[in-house]
Amino acid sequence: MHTLPPPLRAVVFDFDGTLLDSLPMVLRAHHHAIAPFHPPLTDAEMFDRLGGPPERTLQAMLRDPAHAAEALRRIEAYWTSNEHEAQPYPGVRETLAGLRARRLALGLWTGRDRASTLRLLQAHDFDGLFTTSVCGDDLATHKPDPAGLREVLRRLAVGADEAIYLGDAAVDVQAGAACGVRTVFIHHGREVAPEITTLAWRVVETPAEAYALLAATLEA
């Protein structure tokens, strides 16, 4: 006899690439930051190195840690000048409003630093929608370590089996699986390793598909 899972009480979102169409900007910012200090990386190579706040990602990319402070200055200046180009994906506002109307708790777990996360949430009138958020510089750990997701669930006072997590990177899927949370993986047309698809609860190509899946799950 199969036991039905508990009712869904919370949805946790990654930010970049899940709610915000900002990944091209993030990649360009990192390319700009390391350009004077490191041979060019492809976008795929850069994406594989993302995860956590810029202080961490840039340290991992640079061959000489002495360049980290200047690289960080460059990425912050680039992002501040260009972050207006990052916009919410179509359907984001309706999805978040619909979840709130159903009295679901909403959490945000992002590798982005808190300062830029708050700027972007405020710029797009999102800052009042989330019950809690954990950012890349809030904890010593980073994805795929599930500590940040566990902290979000603790603050929301929900069990892992009462939540769904949406993310667009392999580290999101690995963290969600380690935490026991049903994880929707948005792959944006990128090639996906079989071991990641196996860990994911559902695999979709676009954020719009993920939002539709959430709606269908709630209607089931």
N, C-alpha and C. Protein backbone atom coordinates (compact mmCIF):
# COMPACT_ATOMS: atom_id res chain seq x y z
N MET A 1 0.85 -1.19 0.00
CA MET A 1 0.00 0.00 0.00
C MET A 1 0.89 1.25 0.00
N HIS A 2 0.65 2.16 -0.96
CA HIS A 2 1.47 3.36 -1.07
C HIS A 2 0.92 4.47 -0.18
N THR A 3 1.82 5.14 0.52
CA THR A 3 1.43 6.26 1.36
C THR A 3 1.53 7.55 0.57
N LEU A 4 0.47 8.35 0.57
CA LEU A 4 0.50 9.61 -0.15
C LEU A 4 1.44 10.59 0.56
N PRO A 5 2.18 11.41 -0.21
CA PRO A 5 3.04 12.41 0.42
C PRO A 5 2.21 13.45 1.14
N PRO A 6 2.77 14.10 2.16
CA PRO A 6 2.04 15.17 2.85
C PRO A 6 1.67 16.28 1.87
N PRO A 7 0.66 17.06 2.18
CA PRO A 7 0.30 18.18 1.30
C PRO A 7 1.46 19.15 1.13
N LEU A 8 1.53 19.77 -0.03
CA LEU A 8 2.57 20.76 -0.30
C LEU A 8 2.31 22.01 0.53
N ARG A 9 3.32 22.44 1.28
CA ARG A 9 3.18 23.62 2.14
C ARG A 9 4.13 24.74 1.76
N ALA A 10 5.16 24.44 0.98
CA ALA A 10 6.15 25.47 0.66
C ALA A 10 6.79 25.20 -0.69
N VAL A 11 7.19 26.28 -1.35
CA VAL A 11 7.97 26.20 -2.59
C VAL A 11 9.21 27.07 -2.40
N VAL A 12 10.36 26.50 -2.70
CA VAL A 12 11.62 27.21 -2.58
C VAL A 12 12.20 27.39 -3.99
N PHE A 13 12.68 28.58 -4.26
CA PHE A 13 13.19 28.91 -5.59
C PHE A 13 14.67 29.28 -5.53
N ASP A 14 15.41 28.82 -6.53
CA ASP A 14 16.68 29.45 -6.87
C ASP A 14 16.32 30.79 -7.52
N PHE A 15 17.29 31.66 -7.73
CA PHE A 15 16.99 32.99 -8.26
C PHE A 15 17.41 33.12 -9.73
N ASP A 16 18.72 33.22 -9.97
CA ASP A 16 19.22 33.39 -11.33
C ASP A 16 18.95 32.14 -12.17
N GLY A 17 18.31 32.34 -13.32
CA GLY A 17 18.02 31.21 -14.19
C GLY A 17 16.75 30.47 -13.83
N THR A 18 16.13 30.84 -12.72
CA THR A 18 14.88 30.20 -12.28
C THR A 18 13.75 31.21 -12.22
N LEU A 19 13.99 32.33 -11.57
CA LEU A 19 13.02 33.43 -11.53
C LEU A 19 13.47 34.60 -12.38
N LEU A 20 14.77 34.80 -12.45
CA LEU A 20 15.33 35.98 -13.12
C LEU A 20 16.15 35.55 -14.33
N ASP A 21 15.84 36.16 -15.46
CA ASP A 21 16.57 35.87 -16.70
C ASP A 21 17.87 36.68 -16.69
N SER A 22 18.79 36.23 -15.88
CA SER A 22 20.02 37.00 -15.62
C SER A 22 21.28 36.22 -15.94
N LEU A 23 21.15 34.95 -16.33
CA LEU A 23 22.35 34.14 -16.51
C LEU A 23 23.31 34.73 -17.55
N PRO A 24 22.84 35.21 -18.72
CA PRO A 24 23.80 35.82 -19.65
C PRO A 24 24.57 36.97 -19.03
N MET A 25 23.88 37.78 -18.21
CA MET A 25 24.54 38.89 -17.54
C MET A 25 25.55 38.40 -16.51
N VAL A 26 25.19 37.37 -15.78
CA VAL A 26 26.11 36.80 -14.79
C VAL A 26 27.37 36.30 -15.46
N LEU A 27 27.21 35.60 -16.57
CA LEU A 27 28.37 35.08 -17.29
C LEU A 27 29.24 36.22 -17.81
N ARG A 28 28.61 37.23 -18.41
CA ARG A 28 29.39 38.36 -18.93
C ARG A 28 30.13 39.09 -17.81
N ALA A 29 29.48 39.21 -16.65
CA ALA A 29 30.12 39.88 -15.52
C ALA A 29 31.36 39.12 -15.05
N HIS A 30 31.26 37.80 -15.00
CA HIS A 30 32.42 37.01 -14.58
C HIS A 30 33.53 37.04 -15.64
N HIS A 31 33.14 36.99 -16.91
CA HIS A 31 34.15 37.12 -17.97
C HIS A 31 34.88 38.45 -17.84
N HIS A 32 34.12 39.51 -17.61
CA HIS A 32 34.72 40.84 -17.48
C HIS A 32 35.65 40.89 -16.27
N ALA A 33 35.24 40.27 -15.18
CA ALA A 33 36.02 40.35 -13.94
C ALA A 33 37.39 39.70 -14.08
N ILE A 34 37.47 38.57 -14.76
CA ILE A 34 38.74 37.83 -14.81
C ILE A 34 39.55 38.12 -16.07
N ALA A 35 38.99 38.90 -17.00
CA ALA A 35 39.64 39.11 -18.31
C ALA A 35 41.11 39.54 -18.21
N PRO A 36 41.48 40.46 -17.31
CA PRO A 36 42.89 40.87 -17.28
C PRO A 36 43.82 39.82 -16.67
N PHE A 37 43.26 38.80 -16.02
CA PHE A 37 44.07 37.92 -15.20
C PHE A 37 44.05 36.45 -15.62
N HIS A 38 43.18 36.09 -16.55
CA HIS A 38 42.98 34.67 -16.85
C HIS A 38 42.65 34.51 -18.33
N PRO A 39 43.15 33.46 -18.99
CA PRO A 39 42.74 33.20 -20.37
C PRO A 39 41.23 33.05 -20.46
N PRO A 40 40.63 33.41 -21.58
CA PRO A 40 39.17 33.35 -21.70
C PRO A 40 38.63 31.94 -21.46
N LEU A 41 37.48 31.88 -20.80
CA LEU A 41 36.76 30.63 -20.60
C LEU A 41 35.53 30.64 -21.50
N THR A 42 35.08 29.47 -21.91
CA THR A 42 33.81 29.39 -22.62
C THR A 42 32.68 29.61 -21.62
N ASP A 43 31.49 29.91 -22.14
CA ASP A 43 30.35 30.07 -21.25
C ASP A 43 30.08 28.80 -20.45
N ALA A 44 30.24 27.64 -21.11
CA ALA A 44 30.01 26.37 -20.42
C ALA A 44 31.02 26.18 -19.28
N GLU A 45 32.29 26.51 -19.55
CA GLU A 45 33.31 26.39 -18.51
C GLU A 45 33.03 27.36 -17.36
N MET A 46 32.56 28.56 -17.71
CA MET A 46 32.24 29.54 -16.68
C MET A 46 31.06 29.07 -15.84
N PHE A 47 30.01 28.57 -16.50
CA PHE A 47 28.82 28.13 -15.78
C PHE A 47 29.17 27.03 -14.78
N ASP A 48 30.05 26.11 -15.18
CA ASP A 48 30.43 25.01 -14.30
C ASP A 48 31.16 25.50 -13.05
N ARG A 49 31.71 26.71 -13.10
CA ARG A 49 32.45 27.24 -11.96
C ARG A 49 31.61 28.15 -11.07
N LEU A 50 30.38 28.41 -11.46
CA LEU A 50 29.52 29.27 -10.66
C LEU A 50 28.95 28.50 -9.48
N GLY A 51 28.58 29.25 -8.44
CA GLY A 51 28.02 28.64 -7.24
C GLY A 51 28.56 29.34 -6.01
N GLY A 52 27.74 30.14 -5.37
CA GLY A 52 28.21 30.91 -4.24
C GLY A 52 28.44 32.36 -4.62
N PRO A 53 28.81 33.19 -3.66
CA PRO A 53 29.01 34.62 -3.92
C PRO A 53 30.26 34.84 -4.76
N PRO A 54 30.39 36.04 -5.38
CA PRO A 54 31.54 36.31 -6.25
C PRO A 54 32.89 36.12 -5.56
N GLU A 55 32.95 36.42 -4.26
CA GLU A 55 34.22 36.24 -3.57
C GLU A 55 34.73 34.81 -3.71
N ARG A 56 33.81 33.86 -3.67
CA ARG A 56 34.18 32.45 -3.76
C ARG A 56 34.43 32.03 -5.21
N THR A 57 33.52 32.40 -6.11
CA THR A 57 33.66 31.94 -7.50
C THR A 57 34.89 32.53 -8.16
N LEU A 58 35.18 33.79 -7.90
CA LEU A 58 36.35 34.41 -8.52
C LEU A 58 37.64 33.82 -7.98
N GLN A 59 37.68 33.54 -6.70
CA GLN A 59 38.87 32.90 -6.12
C GLN A 59 39.13 31.57 -6.82
N ALA A 60 38.06 30.82 -7.11
CA ALA A 60 38.21 29.51 -7.74
C ALA A 60 38.64 29.63 -9.20
N MET A 61 38.32 30.74 -9.84
CA MET A 61 38.64 30.90 -11.26
C MET A 61 40.06 31.43 -11.49
N LEU A 62 40.56 32.23 -10.58
CA LEU A 62 41.83 32.92 -10.79
C LEU A 62 43.01 32.04 -10.41
N ARG A 63 44.05 32.10 -11.20
CA ARG A 63 45.25 31.34 -10.90
C ARG A 63 46.04 31.97 -9.76
N ASP A 64 45.97 33.30 -9.65
CA ASP A 64 46.71 34.01 -8.62
C ASP A 64 45.71 34.71 -7.69
N PRO A 65 45.60 34.26 -6.44
CA PRO A 65 44.63 34.88 -5.53
C PRO A 65 44.90 36.35 -5.26
N ALA A 66 46.08 36.83 -5.61
CA ALA A 66 46.38 38.24 -5.40
C ALA A 66 45.51 39.14 -6.28
N HIS A 67 44.93 38.57 -7.33
CA HIS A 67 44.08 39.35 -8.23
C HIS A 67 42.62 39.36 -7.80
N ALA A 68 42.29 38.65 -6.74
CA ALA A 68 40.89 38.46 -6.37
C ALA A 68 40.21 39.79 -6.03
N ALA A 69 40.87 40.67 -5.30
CA ALA A 69 40.24 41.92 -4.88
C ALA A 69 39.90 42.78 -6.08
N GLU A 70 40.81 42.88 -7.05
CA GLU A 70 40.53 43.68 -8.24
C GLU A 70 39.45 43.03 -9.10
N ALA A 71 39.48 41.71 -9.20
CA ALA A 71 38.44 41.02 -9.96
C ALA A 71 37.07 41.24 -9.33
N LEU A 72 37.02 41.24 -8.00
CA LEU A 72 35.76 41.49 -7.31
C LEU A 72 35.28 42.92 -7.57
N ARG A 73 36.19 43.87 -7.55
CA ARG A 73 35.81 45.26 -7.86
C ARG A 73 35.25 45.36 -9.27
N ARG A 74 35.87 44.65 -10.21
CA ARG A 74 35.43 44.69 -11.61
C ARG A 74 34.04 44.08 -11.77
N ILE A 75 33.79 42.96 -11.09
CA ILE A 75 32.49 42.32 -11.27
C ILE A 75 31.38 43.16 -10.63
N GLU A 76 31.67 43.79 -9.49
CA GLU A 76 30.66 44.61 -8.84
C GLU A 76 30.34 45.85 -9.68
N ALA A 77 31.37 46.44 -10.28
CA ALA A 77 31.15 47.62 -11.12
C ALA A 77 30.37 47.24 -12.38
N TYR A 78 30.70 46.10 -12.97
CA TYR A 78 30.00 45.65 -14.17
C TYR A 78 28.54 45.37 -13.87
N TRP A 79 28.30 44.66 -12.77
CA TRP A 79 26.93 44.29 -12.44
C TRP A 79 26.10 45.53 -12.11
N THR A 80 26.66 46.44 -11.35
CA THR A 80 25.92 47.65 -10.98
C THR A 80 25.52 48.45 -12.22
N SER A 81 26.37 48.47 -13.22
CA SER A 81 26.09 49.23 -14.44
C SER A 81 25.12 48.53 -15.37
N ASN A 82 24.98 47.20 -15.24
CA ASN A 82 24.22 46.45 -16.24
C ASN A 82 23.08 45.60 -15.67
N GLU A 83 22.91 45.57 -14.37
CA GLU A 83 21.94 44.63 -13.81
C GLU A 83 20.50 44.97 -14.18
N HIS A 84 20.25 46.18 -14.68
CA HIS A 84 18.90 46.53 -15.13
C HIS A 84 18.45 45.66 -16.30
N GLU A 85 19.41 45.02 -16.99
CA GLU A 85 19.06 44.17 -18.12
C GLU A 85 18.46 42.83 -17.66
N ALA A 86 18.70 42.44 -16.44
CA ALA A 86 18.15 41.19 -15.91
C ALA A 86 16.69 41.39 -15.55
N GLN A 87 15.81 40.61 -16.17
CA GLN A 87 14.39 40.77 -15.98
C GLN A 87 13.75 39.44 -15.57
N PRO A 88 12.63 39.50 -14.85
CA PRO A 88 11.93 38.26 -14.49
C PRO A 88 11.46 37.52 -15.74
N TYR A 89 11.46 36.20 -15.66
CA TYR A 89 10.91 35.41 -16.75
C TYR A 89 9.41 35.64 -16.86
N PRO A 90 8.86 35.51 -18.05
CA PRO A 90 7.40 35.62 -18.19
C PRO A 90 6.69 34.61 -17.29
N GLY A 91 5.67 35.07 -16.62
CA GLY A 91 4.89 34.19 -15.75
C GLY A 91 5.34 34.16 -14.31
N VAL A 92 6.46 34.80 -13.99
CA VAL A 92 6.97 34.75 -12.62
C VAL A 92 5.99 35.40 -11.64
N ARG A 93 5.56 36.60 -11.96
CA ARG A 93 4.69 37.32 -11.02
C ARG A 93 3.39 36.56 -10.78
N GLU A 94 2.80 36.06 -11.85
CA GLU A 94 1.55 35.32 -11.71
C GLU A 94 1.75 34.05 -10.88
N THR A 95 2.88 33.38 -11.11
CA THR A 95 3.17 32.16 -10.37
C THR A 95 3.32 32.44 -8.88
N LEU A 96 4.12 33.43 -8.53
CA LEU A 96 4.34 33.75 -7.12
C LEU A 96 3.05 34.23 -6.46
N ALA A 97 2.29 35.06 -7.17
CA ALA A 97 1.03 35.54 -6.60
C ALA A 97 0.05 34.38 -6.40
N GLY A 98 0.02 33.45 -7.35
CA GLY A 98 -0.88 32.30 -7.22
C GLY A 98 -0.51 31.41 -6.06
N LEU A 99 0.79 31.22 -5.84
CA LEU A 99 1.23 30.40 -4.71
C LEU A 99 0.90 31.07 -3.38
N ARG A 100 1.10 32.37 -3.34
CA ARG A 100 0.76 33.10 -2.11
C ARG A 100 -0.74 33.04 -1.85
N ALA A 101 -1.55 33.13 -2.92
CA ALA A 101 -3.00 33.08 -2.75
C ALA A 101 -3.44 31.73 -2.18
N ARG A 102 -2.65 30.69 -2.44
CA ARG A 102 -2.95 29.37 -1.89
C ARG A 102 -2.35 29.19 -0.50
N ARG A 103 -1.78 30.26 0.03
CA ARG A 103 -1.19 30.27 1.38
C ARG A 103 0.01 29.33 1.50
N LEU A 104 0.74 29.20 0.40
CA LEU A 104 1.99 28.44 0.46
C LEU A 104 3.12 29.38 0.89
N ALA A 105 4.01 28.87 1.71
CA ALA A 105 5.19 29.64 2.10
C ALA A 105 6.19 29.63 0.95
N LEU A 106 6.82 30.77 0.70
CA LEU A 106 7.78 30.89 -0.39
C LEU A 106 9.16 31.20 0.18
N GLY A 107 10.15 30.41 -0.25
CA GLY A 107 11.53 30.63 0.16
C GLY A 107 12.42 30.85 -1.03
N LEU A 108 13.53 31.52 -0.80
CA LEU A 108 14.52 31.78 -1.85
C LEU A 108 15.87 31.28 -1.36
N TRP A 109 16.52 30.46 -2.19
CA TRP A 109 17.88 29.99 -1.86
C TRP A 109 18.75 30.22 -3.07
N THR A 110 19.69 31.14 -2.95
CA THR A 110 20.49 31.55 -4.08
C THR A 110 21.96 31.63 -3.71
N GLY A 111 22.82 31.36 -4.69
CA GLY A 111 24.24 31.55 -4.49
C GLY A 111 24.66 33.00 -4.62
N ARG A 112 23.76 33.83 -5.10
CA ARG A 112 24.06 35.26 -5.25
C ARG A 112 24.23 35.90 -3.88
N ASP A 113 25.10 36.92 -3.78
CA ASP A 113 25.31 37.62 -2.52
C ASP A 113 24.06 38.38 -2.12
N ARG A 114 23.92 38.64 -0.82
CA ARG A 114 22.69 39.23 -0.32
C ARG A 114 22.47 40.65 -0.83
N ALA A 115 23.52 41.45 -0.93
CA ALA A 115 23.33 42.84 -1.34
C ALA A 115 22.70 42.94 -2.72
N SER A 116 23.24 42.19 -3.69
CA SER A 116 22.67 42.28 -5.05
C SER A 116 21.33 41.56 -5.12
N THR A 117 21.14 40.51 -4.31
CA THR A 117 19.84 39.84 -4.27
C THR A 117 18.76 40.82 -3.82
N LEU A 118 19.03 41.56 -2.75
CA LEU A 118 18.04 42.52 -2.24
C LEU A 118 17.78 43.63 -3.24
N ARG A 119 18.82 44.10 -3.92
CA ARG A 119 18.62 45.14 -4.93
C ARG A 119 17.67 44.66 -6.03
N LEU A 120 17.89 43.43 -6.49
CA LEU A 120 17.07 42.91 -7.58
C LEU A 120 15.65 42.59 -7.12
N LEU A 121 15.51 42.05 -5.92
CA LEU A 121 14.17 41.80 -5.40
C LEU A 121 13.37 43.11 -5.29
N GLN A 122 14.00 44.13 -4.80
CA GLN A 122 13.33 45.42 -4.67
C GLN A 122 13.05 46.05 -6.03
N ALA A 123 13.98 45.92 -6.96
CA ALA A 123 13.80 46.50 -8.29
C ALA A 123 12.59 45.91 -9.00
N HIS A 124 12.30 44.64 -8.72
CA HIS A 124 11.19 43.96 -9.41
C HIS A 124 9.99 43.71 -8.49
N ASP A 125 9.97 44.41 -7.35
CA ASP A 125 8.84 44.31 -6.41
C ASP A 125 8.59 42.87 -5.94
N PHE A 126 9.67 42.15 -5.71
CA PHE A 126 9.58 40.77 -5.23
C PHE A 126 9.86 40.65 -3.74
N ASP A 127 10.42 41.71 -3.14
CA ASP A 127 10.97 41.56 -1.80
C ASP A 127 9.92 41.24 -0.74
N GLY A 128 8.64 41.52 -0.99
CA GLY A 128 7.62 41.20 -0.01
C GLY A 128 6.97 39.84 -0.22
N LEU A 129 7.39 39.12 -1.25
CA LEU A 129 6.74 37.86 -1.59
C LEU A 129 7.32 36.65 -0.88
N PHE A 130 8.58 36.74 -0.47
CA PHE A 130 9.25 35.58 0.09
C PHE A 130 9.26 35.68 1.62
N THR A 131 8.91 34.56 2.25
CA THR A 131 8.92 34.51 3.70
C THR A 131 10.34 34.59 4.23
N THR A 132 11.27 33.95 3.54
CA THR A 132 12.66 33.98 3.98
C THR A 132 13.57 33.73 2.79
N SER A 133 14.82 34.10 2.94
CA SER A 133 15.82 33.86 1.90
C SER A 133 17.16 33.53 2.53
N VAL A 134 17.90 32.66 1.86
CA VAL A 134 19.28 32.36 2.23
C VAL A 134 20.13 32.64 1.00
N CYS A 135 21.12 33.52 1.16
CA CYS A 135 21.97 33.95 0.04
C CYS A 135 23.37 33.35 0.16
N GLY A 136 24.14 33.55 -0.88
CA GLY A 136 25.44 32.90 -0.97
C GLY A 136 26.43 33.30 0.09
N ASP A 137 26.26 34.50 0.66
CA ASP A 137 27.20 34.93 1.69
C ASP A 137 26.59 34.87 3.10
N ASP A 138 25.48 34.17 3.25
CA ASP A 138 24.86 34.03 4.57
C ASP A 138 25.46 32.89 5.39
N LEU A 139 25.89 31.83 4.70
CA LEU A 139 26.44 30.65 5.37
C LEU A 139 27.84 30.37 4.85
N ALA A 140 28.58 29.58 5.59
CA ALA A 140 29.92 29.19 5.15
C ALA A 140 29.86 28.14 4.04
N THR A 141 28.74 27.46 3.92
CA THR A 141 28.59 26.41 2.92
C THR A 141 27.92 26.95 1.66
N HIS A 142 28.08 26.22 0.56
CA HIS A 142 27.48 26.61 -0.71
C HIS A 142 26.97 25.37 -1.43
N LYS A 143 26.04 25.57 -2.35
CA LYS A 143 25.54 24.46 -3.16
C LYS A 143 26.73 23.72 -3.78
N PRO A 144 26.70 22.39 -3.83
CA PRO A 144 25.58 21.48 -3.57
C PRO A 144 25.39 21.06 -2.12
N ASP A 145 26.14 21.64 -1.19
CA ASP A 145 25.87 21.36 0.22
C ASP A 145 24.44 21.78 0.52
N PRO A 146 23.62 20.91 1.11
CA PRO A 146 22.21 21.22 1.32
C PRO A 146 21.91 22.08 2.53
N ALA A 147 22.95 22.56 3.23
CA ALA A 147 22.70 23.30 4.48
C ALA A 147 21.81 24.52 4.27
N GLY A 148 22.01 25.23 3.15
CA GLY A 148 21.20 26.41 2.89
C GLY A 148 19.73 26.08 2.69
N LEU A 149 19.47 25.00 1.98
CA LEU A 149 18.08 24.57 1.77
C LEU A 149 17.46 24.11 3.09
N ARG A 150 18.23 23.39 3.88
CA ARG A 150 17.72 22.96 5.19
C ARG A 150 17.39 24.18 6.06
N GLU A 151 18.21 25.21 5.97
CA GLU A 151 17.95 26.41 6.75
C GLU A 151 16.66 27.10 6.30
N VAL A 152 16.43 27.14 4.99
CA VAL A 152 15.19 27.72 4.48
C VAL A 152 13.99 26.94 5.02
N LEU A 153 14.06 25.61 4.95
CA LEU A 153 12.95 24.78 5.44
C LEU A 153 12.75 24.96 6.94
N ARG A 154 13.84 25.10 7.68
CA ARG A 154 13.73 25.30 9.13
C ARG A 154 13.00 26.61 9.41
N ARG A 155 13.36 27.66 8.69
CA ARG A 155 12.71 28.96 8.92
C ARG A 155 11.24 28.92 8.51
N LEU A 156 10.92 28.15 7.49
CA LEU A 156 9.54 28.04 7.04
C LEU A 156 8.73 27.06 7.89
N ALA A 157 9.43 26.30 8.74
CA ALA A 157 8.80 25.31 9.62
C ALA A 157 8.03 24.26 8.82
N VAL A 158 8.67 23.76 7.76
CA VAL A 158 8.07 22.70 6.95
C VAL A 158 9.07 21.55 6.82
N GLY A 159 8.56 20.35 6.61
CA GLY A 159 9.41 19.20 6.39
C GLY A 159 9.86 19.13 4.94
N ALA A 160 10.93 18.38 4.71
CA ALA A 160 11.46 18.25 3.36
C ALA A 160 10.43 17.67 2.40
N ASP A 161 9.57 16.78 2.91
CA ASP A 161 8.57 16.16 2.04
C ASP A 161 7.33 17.03 1.85
N GLU A 162 7.34 18.22 2.45
CA GLU A 162 6.24 19.17 2.28
C GLU A 162 6.60 20.32 1.36
N ALA A 163 7.76 20.21 0.69
CA ALA A 163 8.25 21.32 -0.12
C ALA A 163 8.66 20.84 -1.51
N ILE A 164 8.70 21.78 -2.43
CA ILE A 164 9.26 21.58 -3.76
C ILE A 164 10.31 22.66 -3.96
N TYR A 165 11.41 22.30 -4.60
CA TYR A 165 12.48 23.25 -4.87
C TYR A 165 12.70 23.33 -6.38
N LEU A 166 12.83 24.54 -6.92
CA LEU A 166 13.08 24.77 -8.34
C LEU A 166 14.46 25.38 -8.51
N GLY A 167 15.27 24.78 -9.38
CA GLY A 167 16.60 25.32 -9.67
C GLY A 167 17.04 24.97 -11.07
N ASP A 168 18.10 25.63 -11.53
CA ASP A 168 18.52 25.43 -12.92
C ASP A 168 19.95 24.91 -13.04
N ALA A 169 20.52 24.41 -11.97
CA ALA A 169 21.89 23.91 -12.04
C ALA A 169 21.97 22.53 -11.40
N ALA A 170 22.99 21.79 -11.82
CA ALA A 170 23.18 20.45 -11.25
C ALA A 170 23.33 20.51 -9.74
N VAL A 171 23.98 21.56 -9.24
CA VAL A 171 24.17 21.67 -7.79
C VAL A 171 22.85 21.85 -7.06
N ASP A 172 21.86 22.46 -7.73
CA ASP A 172 20.53 22.57 -7.13
C ASP A 172 19.91 21.19 -6.95
N VAL A 173 20.03 20.37 -8.00
CA VAL A 173 19.46 19.02 -7.95
C VAL A 173 20.16 18.18 -6.89
N GLN A 174 21.48 18.26 -6.84
CA GLN A 174 22.25 17.48 -5.86
C GLN A 174 21.88 17.89 -4.44
N ALA A 175 21.74 19.20 -4.22
CA ALA A 175 21.38 19.68 -2.89
C ALA A 175 19.96 19.27 -2.51
N GLY A 176 19.03 19.42 -3.45
CA GLY A 176 17.66 19.03 -3.18
C GLY A 176 17.53 17.55 -2.86
N ALA A 177 18.22 16.71 -3.62
CA ALA A 177 18.18 15.28 -3.37
C ALA A 177 18.78 14.93 -2.02
N ALA A 178 19.88 15.58 -1.67
CA ALA A 178 20.52 15.33 -0.38
C ALA A 178 19.62 15.73 0.77
N CYS A 179 18.76 16.72 0.51
CA CYS A 179 17.85 17.22 1.55
C CYS A 179 16.53 16.45 1.57
N GLY A 180 16.29 15.63 0.56
CA GLY A 180 15.03 14.90 0.48
C GLY A 180 13.87 15.73 -0.02
N VAL A 181 14.17 16.81 -0.77
CA VAL A 181 13.14 17.70 -1.29
C VAL A 181 12.91 17.39 -2.77
N ARG A 182 11.65 17.32 -3.17
CA ARG A 182 11.34 17.15 -4.59
C ARG A 182 11.89 18.34 -5.36
N THR A 183 12.78 18.07 -6.32
CA THR A 183 13.47 19.15 -7.01
C THR A 183 13.15 19.14 -8.50
N VAL A 184 12.71 20.28 -8.99
CA VAL A 184 12.44 20.48 -10.41
C VAL A 184 13.69 21.10 -11.03
N PHE A 185 14.25 20.44 -12.03
CA PHE A 185 15.48 20.89 -12.67
C PHE A 185 15.14 21.55 -14.01
N ILE A 186 15.48 22.83 -14.15
CA ILE A 186 15.29 23.59 -15.38
C ILE A 186 16.63 23.60 -16.11
N HIS A 187 16.73 22.90 -17.25
CA HIS A 187 18.06 22.76 -17.85
C HIS A 187 18.34 23.75 -18.99
N HIS A 188 17.37 24.55 -19.40
CA HIS A 188 17.59 25.59 -20.42
C HIS A 188 18.22 25.04 -21.69
N GLY A 189 17.94 23.81 -22.04
CA GLY A 189 18.47 23.24 -23.26
C GLY A 189 19.90 22.74 -23.16
N ARG A 190 20.50 22.87 -21.99
CA ARG A 190 21.87 22.37 -21.82
C ARG A 190 21.85 20.84 -21.73
N GLU A 191 22.97 20.24 -22.09
CA GLU A 191 23.10 18.79 -21.94
C GLU A 191 23.12 18.45 -20.45
N VAL A 192 22.38 17.42 -20.09
CA VAL A 192 22.23 17.06 -18.69
C VAL A 192 22.81 15.67 -18.46
N ALA A 193 23.66 15.54 -17.46
CA ALA A 193 24.24 14.24 -17.13
C ALA A 193 23.16 13.32 -16.59
N PRO A 194 23.19 12.03 -16.97
CA PRO A 194 22.15 11.09 -16.53
C PRO A 194 22.01 11.02 -15.01
N GLU A 195 23.12 11.15 -14.29
CA GLU A 195 23.04 11.05 -12.83
C GLU A 195 22.27 12.23 -12.23
N ILE A 196 22.23 13.36 -12.94
CA ILE A 196 21.47 14.50 -12.45
C ILE A 196 19.98 14.30 -12.72
N THR A 197 19.64 13.84 -13.91
CA THR A 197 18.23 13.60 -14.21
C THR A 197 17.65 12.53 -13.28
N THR A 198 18.48 11.58 -12.89
CA THR A 198 18.03 10.53 -11.97
C THR A 198 17.69 11.11 -10.60
N LEU A 199 18.46 12.10 -10.15
CA LEU A 199 18.22 12.70 -8.84
C LEU A 199 17.04 13.65 -8.84
N ALA A 200 16.75 14.27 -9.98
CA ALA A 200 15.68 15.27 -10.05
C ALA A 200 14.31 14.61 -9.93
N TRP A 201 13.39 15.32 -9.32
CA TRP A 201 12.00 14.85 -9.27
C TRP A 201 11.35 15.00 -10.63
N ARG A 202 11.56 16.17 -11.26
CA ARG A 202 11.09 16.42 -12.62
C ARG A 202 12.16 17.21 -13.36
N VAL A 203 12.25 17.01 -14.67
CA VAL A 203 13.20 17.74 -15.50
C VAL A 203 12.41 18.48 -16.58
N VAL A 204 12.61 19.79 -16.69
CA VAL A 204 11.94 20.60 -17.69
C VAL A 204 13.00 21.46 -18.38
N GLU A 205 12.62 22.02 -19.52
CA GLU A 205 13.59 22.82 -20.27
C GLU A 205 13.56 24.29 -19.90
N THR A 206 12.39 24.82 -19.63
CA THR A 206 12.25 26.26 -19.41
C THR A 206 11.59 26.57 -18.08
N PRO A 207 11.80 27.79 -17.57
CA PRO A 207 11.08 28.20 -16.37
C PRO A 207 9.57 28.13 -16.55
N ALA A 208 9.06 28.50 -17.73
CA ALA A 208 7.62 28.45 -17.96
C ALA A 208 7.07 27.05 -17.74
N GLU A 209 7.81 26.03 -18.18
CA GLU A 209 7.39 24.65 -17.95
C GLU A 209 7.39 24.32 -16.46
N ALA A 210 8.35 24.84 -15.75
CA ALA A 210 8.42 24.60 -14.31
C ALA A 210 7.23 25.24 -13.60
N TYR A 211 6.88 26.47 -13.99
CA TYR A 211 5.74 27.13 -13.36
C TYR A 211 4.45 26.37 -13.66
N ALA A 212 4.32 25.88 -14.90
CA ALA A 212 3.12 25.11 -15.27
C ALA A 212 3.06 23.81 -14.48
N LEU A 213 4.21 23.19 -14.27
CA LEU A 213 4.26 21.95 -13.48
C LEU A 213 3.81 22.21 -12.05
N LEU A 214 4.24 23.32 -11.49
CA LEU A 214 3.79 23.67 -10.14
C LEU A 214 2.28 23.80 -10.08
N ALA A 215 1.72 24.50 -11.06
CA ALA A 215 0.28 24.69 -11.07
C ALA A 215 -0.45 23.37 -11.20
N ALA A 216 0.05 22.49 -12.07
CA ALA A 216 -0.59 21.18 -12.26
C ALA A 216 -0.49 20.34 -11.01
N THR A 217 0.64 20.43 -10.31
CA THR A 217 0.82 19.66 -9.07
C THR A 217 -0.18 20.11 -8.01
N LEU A 218 -0.42 21.39 -7.95
CA LEU A 218 -1.36 21.91 -6.96
C LEU A 218 -2.80 21.55 -7.30
N GLU A 219 -3.08 21.39 -8.59
CA GLU A 219 -4.44 21.06 -9.01
C GLU A 219 -4.72 19.57 -8.90
N ALA A 220 -3.67 18.75 -8.83
CA ALA A 220 -3.85 17.28 -8.83
C ALA A 220 -4.56 16.82 -7.56
